[in-house]
Amino acid sequence: MTLRLAVVLGLMAIWMVRMLQHAFGTNFDTEQQPYATHRKRFGARWPVWSFFAVYMLQGILIWIWVMPFSFAASADVIGLQITDWIGIAVWLVGFFFLVVGDSQMNAFKADPANKGGIMDRGLWSMTRHPNYFGESLVYFGYFMFALAHPWGWVSIVALLYKTWFMGWGSATPGNERHMRKTRGAAWDDYAARVPMFFPGLPRR
């Protein structure tokens, strides 16, 4: 156990605990989309379909997602490198978007007056999906740790896949379809003012 490995594992543990807490809190009473819709759509076939299309698929993808951790852990380096410090800084920014974005959305949903409305304040005025953007940025931080290994650059595959998955592959498109279906013109107006993934100044 080296200092840099302890830092990597510590950041990973914090990230995992936050994700566990968020997943438990958002799925305990009501199952999240798109899984709730899939469950209704497949009915009695849901257990078999979800085993292959959800659990086994994600089990395979995990081998890609863990690449930065594998290279970071097997690097023959003891102290923190300049790339590690950059990784820590990027990770902190990403984690800020994750935690603050979720916190702002939870506070918005907790107010009955906002039922059926659209959260467009705070970080949600800069990007329509600050938590998904933060997730990809956190992974960029892990990638920087992997660069201490001679072959660590190979894990850019995991970074690119994670960013694509969060922004264009599954997470964001699924949420966008749900919001457009349930919010209609109000969502279109919001989408015209606020960038989809990468933060920017809202357009009036």
Protein backbone atom coordinates (compact mmCIF):
# COMPACT_ATOMS: atom_id res chain seq x y z
CA MET A 1 0.00 0.00 0.00
CA THR A 2 1.56 3.26 -1.19
CA LEU A 3 0.40 6.84 -0.68
CA ARG A 4 -0.89 7.22 -4.24
CA LEU A 5 -2.70 3.88 -4.10
CA ALA A 6 -4.32 4.92 -0.81
CA VAL A 7 -5.45 8.17 -2.46
CA VAL A 8 -6.89 6.32 -5.48
CA LEU A 9 -8.73 3.82 -3.27
CA GLY A 10 -9.94 6.62 -0.99
CA LEU A 11 -11.39 8.64 -3.88
CA MET A 12 -12.95 5.49 -5.30
CA ALA A 13 -14.51 4.59 -1.94
CA ILE A 14 -16.00 8.08 -1.53
CA TRP A 15 -17.40 7.91 -5.07
CA MET A 16 -18.89 4.44 -4.45
CA VAL A 17 -20.51 5.39 -1.13
CA ARG A 18 -22.10 8.46 -2.73
CA MET A 19 -23.42 6.38 -5.61
CA LEU A 20 -24.78 3.74 -3.25
CA GLN A 21 -26.52 6.38 -1.13
CA HIS A 22 -27.96 8.08 -4.22
CA ALA A 23 -29.14 4.84 -5.83
CA PHE A 24 -30.75 3.65 -2.61
CA GLY A 25 -32.45 6.99 -1.98
CA THR A 26 -33.85 7.34 -5.50
CA ASN A 27 -35.02 3.73 -5.91
CA PHE A 28 -36.30 2.84 -2.43
CA ASP A 29 -39.85 4.16 -2.86
CA THR A 30 -40.14 4.41 -6.65
CA GLU A 31 -38.04 2.58 -9.21
CA GLN A 32 -36.08 4.88 -11.50
CA GLN A 33 -36.48 5.19 -15.24
CA PRO A 34 -35.94 3.48 -17.60
CA TYR A 35 -36.12 0.35 -15.44
CA ALA A 36 -39.66 1.02 -14.21
CA THR A 37 -40.86 1.26 -17.82
CA HIS A 38 -38.89 -1.84 -18.83
CA ARG A 39 -40.40 -3.80 -15.95
CA LYS A 40 -43.94 -2.95 -17.14
CA ARG A 41 -43.07 -3.54 -20.79
CA PHE A 42 -41.61 -7.01 -20.34
CA GLY A 43 -43.97 -8.14 -17.60
CA ALA A 44 -43.41 -11.79 -16.72
CA ARG A 45 -40.30 -11.86 -18.94
CA TRP A 46 -38.63 -9.11 -16.86
CA PRO A 47 -36.53 -11.44 -14.61
CA VAL A 48 -34.97 -13.24 -17.59
CA TRP A 49 -34.65 -10.13 -19.78
CA SER A 50 -33.10 -8.03 -17.01
CA PHE A 51 -30.64 -10.82 -16.13
CA PHE A 52 -29.07 -10.60 -19.60
CA ALA A 53 -29.83 -7.04 -20.74
CA VAL A 54 -29.14 -5.29 -17.41
CA TYR A 55 -27.00 -7.36 -15.04
CA MET A 56 -24.90 -9.50 -17.40
CA LEU A 57 -24.39 -6.58 -19.80
CA GLN A 58 -23.19 -4.32 -17.00
CA GLY A 59 -21.07 -7.16 -15.65
CA ILE A 60 -19.22 -7.25 -18.97
CA LEU A 61 -18.93 -3.48 -19.22
CA ILE A 62 -17.37 -3.33 -15.75
CA TRP A 63 -14.22 -4.88 -17.26
CA ILE A 64 -13.89 -1.72 -19.35
CA TRP A 65 -14.82 0.67 -16.55
CA VAL A 66 -12.19 -0.69 -14.13
CA MET A 67 -9.26 -0.20 -16.55
CA PRO A 68 -8.06 3.09 -14.96
CA PHE A 69 -8.08 1.49 -11.50
CA SER A 70 -6.14 -1.54 -12.71
CA PHE A 71 -3.38 0.54 -14.29
CA ALA A 72 -3.26 2.97 -11.37
CA ALA A 73 -2.92 0.12 -8.87
CA SER A 74 -0.24 -1.76 -10.82
CA ALA A 75 1.98 1.27 -11.56
CA ASP A 76 5.44 0.90 -10.04
CA VAL A 77 5.27 4.36 -8.44
CA ILE A 78 5.25 5.25 -4.74
CA GLY A 79 4.72 9.00 -4.46
CA LEU A 80 2.13 11.23 -6.10
CA GLN A 81 3.01 12.36 -9.62
CA ILE A 82 2.02 15.60 -11.35
CA THR A 83 -0.63 13.66 -13.28
CA ASP A 84 -2.00 12.40 -9.97
CA TRP A 85 -2.40 15.92 -8.64
CA ILE A 86 -4.18 16.92 -11.84
CA GLY A 87 -6.38 13.85 -11.39
CA ILE A 88 -7.26 14.88 -7.83
CA ALA A 89 -8.17 18.42 -8.96
CA VAL A 90 -10.34 17.15 -11.83
CA TRP A 91 -11.96 14.56 -9.55
CA LEU A 92 -12.89 17.26 -7.01
CA VAL A 93 -14.55 19.39 -9.70
CA GLY A 94 -16.45 16.38 -11.00
CA PHE A 95 -17.52 15.32 -7.52
CA PHE A 96 -18.72 18.87 -6.87
CA PHE A 97 -21.00 18.68 -9.92
CA LEU A 98 -22.22 15.26 -8.78
CA VAL A 99 -23.04 16.11 -5.18
CA VAL A 100 -24.23 19.68 -5.60
CA GLY A 101 -26.26 18.83 -8.69
CA ASP A 102 -28.04 15.97 -6.93
CA SER A 103 -28.54 18.07 -3.79
CA GLN A 104 -30.12 20.91 -5.76
CA MET A 105 -32.41 18.52 -7.61
CA ASN A 106 -33.47 16.74 -4.40
CA ALA A 107 -34.31 20.08 -2.78
CA PHE A 108 -36.32 21.04 -5.87
CA LYS A 109 -38.31 17.79 -5.83
CA ALA A 110 -38.94 18.04 -2.09
CA ASP A 111 -40.98 21.22 -2.59
CA PRO A 112 -44.57 20.27 -3.60
CA ALA A 113 -44.87 23.59 -5.43
CA ASN A 114 -42.33 22.35 -7.98
CA LYS A 115 -44.26 19.19 -8.91
CA GLY A 116 -44.31 18.85 -12.69
CA GLY A 117 -41.85 21.70 -13.09
CA ILE A 118 -38.31 21.84 -14.44
CA MET A 119 -35.25 22.52 -12.33
CA ASP A 120 -33.34 25.27 -14.12
CA ARG A 121 -31.41 26.94 -11.31
CA GLY A 122 -27.93 26.50 -9.87
CA LEU A 123 -25.82 24.00 -11.79
CA TRP A 124 -28.94 23.04 -13.73
CA SER A 125 -28.83 26.45 -15.42
CA MET A 126 -25.37 25.59 -16.83
CA THR A 127 -26.02 22.04 -18.06
CA ARG A 128 -29.15 19.91 -18.27
CA HIS A 129 -27.29 17.02 -16.64
CA PRO A 130 -24.68 18.31 -14.15
CA ASN A 131 -24.58 14.98 -12.31
CA TYR A 132 -23.86 13.01 -15.50
CA PHE A 133 -21.20 15.54 -16.50
CA GLY A 134 -19.68 15.27 -13.02
CA GLU A 135 -19.62 11.48 -13.31
CA SER A 136 -17.58 11.63 -16.52
CA LEU A 137 -15.25 14.24 -15.02
CA VAL A 138 -14.63 12.01 -11.99
CA TYR A 139 -13.61 9.27 -14.39
CA PHE A 140 -11.22 11.66 -16.12
CA GLY A 141 -9.56 12.05 -12.73
CA TYR A 142 -9.14 8.27 -12.44
CA PHE A 143 -7.63 8.21 -15.93
CA MET A 144 -4.97 10.71 -14.87
CA PHE A 145 -3.92 8.32 -12.09
CA ALA A 146 -3.62 5.50 -14.63
CA LEU A 147 -1.04 7.49 -16.61
CA ALA A 148 1.61 6.65 -14.01
CA HIS A 149 1.70 3.20 -15.63
CA PRO A 150 3.61 2.92 -18.96
CA TRP A 151 0.50 1.46 -20.58
CA GLY A 152 -1.97 3.54 -18.61
CA TRP A 153 -2.91 5.60 -21.65
CA VAL A 154 -4.77 2.51 -22.94
CA SER A 155 -7.43 3.17 -20.30
CA ILE A 156 -8.55 6.20 -22.31
CA VAL A 157 -10.93 3.63 -23.79
CA ALA A 158 -12.71 3.53 -20.42
CA LEU A 159 -12.78 7.34 -20.19
CA LEU A 160 -14.19 7.76 -23.69
CA TYR A 161 -16.74 5.01 -23.15
CA LYS A 162 -17.82 6.45 -19.79
CA THR A 163 -18.23 9.94 -21.26
CA TRP A 164 -20.14 8.59 -24.27
CA PHE A 165 -22.35 6.44 -22.03
CA MET A 166 -23.23 9.31 -19.69
CA GLY A 167 -23.68 11.96 -22.38
CA TRP A 168 -24.87 10.25 -25.54
CA GLY A 169 -25.14 6.49 -25.11
CA SER A 170 -27.71 5.82 -22.40
CA ALA A 171 -27.98 8.04 -19.32
CA THR A 172 -28.64 11.46 -20.86
CA PRO A 173 -30.72 10.32 -23.89
CA GLY A 174 -32.97 8.21 -21.66
CA ASN A 175 -33.55 11.08 -19.27
CA GLU A 176 -34.10 13.52 -22.14
CA ARG A 177 -36.78 11.32 -23.71
CA HIS A 178 -38.57 10.95 -20.39
CA MET A 179 -38.50 14.70 -19.68
CA ARG A 180 -39.63 15.63 -23.19
CA LYS A 181 -42.50 13.18 -22.92
CA THR A 182 -43.64 14.39 -19.49
CA ARG A 183 -42.81 18.14 -19.72
CA GLY A 184 -43.47 18.87 -23.39
CA ALA A 185 -42.94 22.44 -24.58
CA ALA A 186 -41.53 23.54 -21.21
CA TRP A 187 -38.69 21.06 -21.63
CA ASP A 188 -38.06 22.19 -25.22
CA ASP A 189 -37.75 25.77 -23.96
CA TYR A 190 -35.34 24.66 -21.25
CA ALA A 191 -33.31 22.64 -23.77
CA ALA A 192 -33.06 25.67 -26.05
CA ARG A 193 -31.55 27.74 -23.24
CA VAL A 194 -29.25 25.28 -21.46
CA PRO A 195 -26.49 23.08 -22.98
CA MET A 196 -27.17 19.34 -22.85
CA PHE A 197 -23.96 17.99 -21.32
CA PHE A 198 -20.90 20.23 -21.17
CA PRO A 199 -21.59 23.29 -18.98
CA GLY A 200 -21.97 26.71 -20.50
CA LEU A 201 -23.70 30.01 -19.89
CA PRO A 202 -27.48 29.67 -20.27
CA ARG A 203 -28.93 31.22 -23.41
CA ARG A 204 -31.95 33.48 -23.01
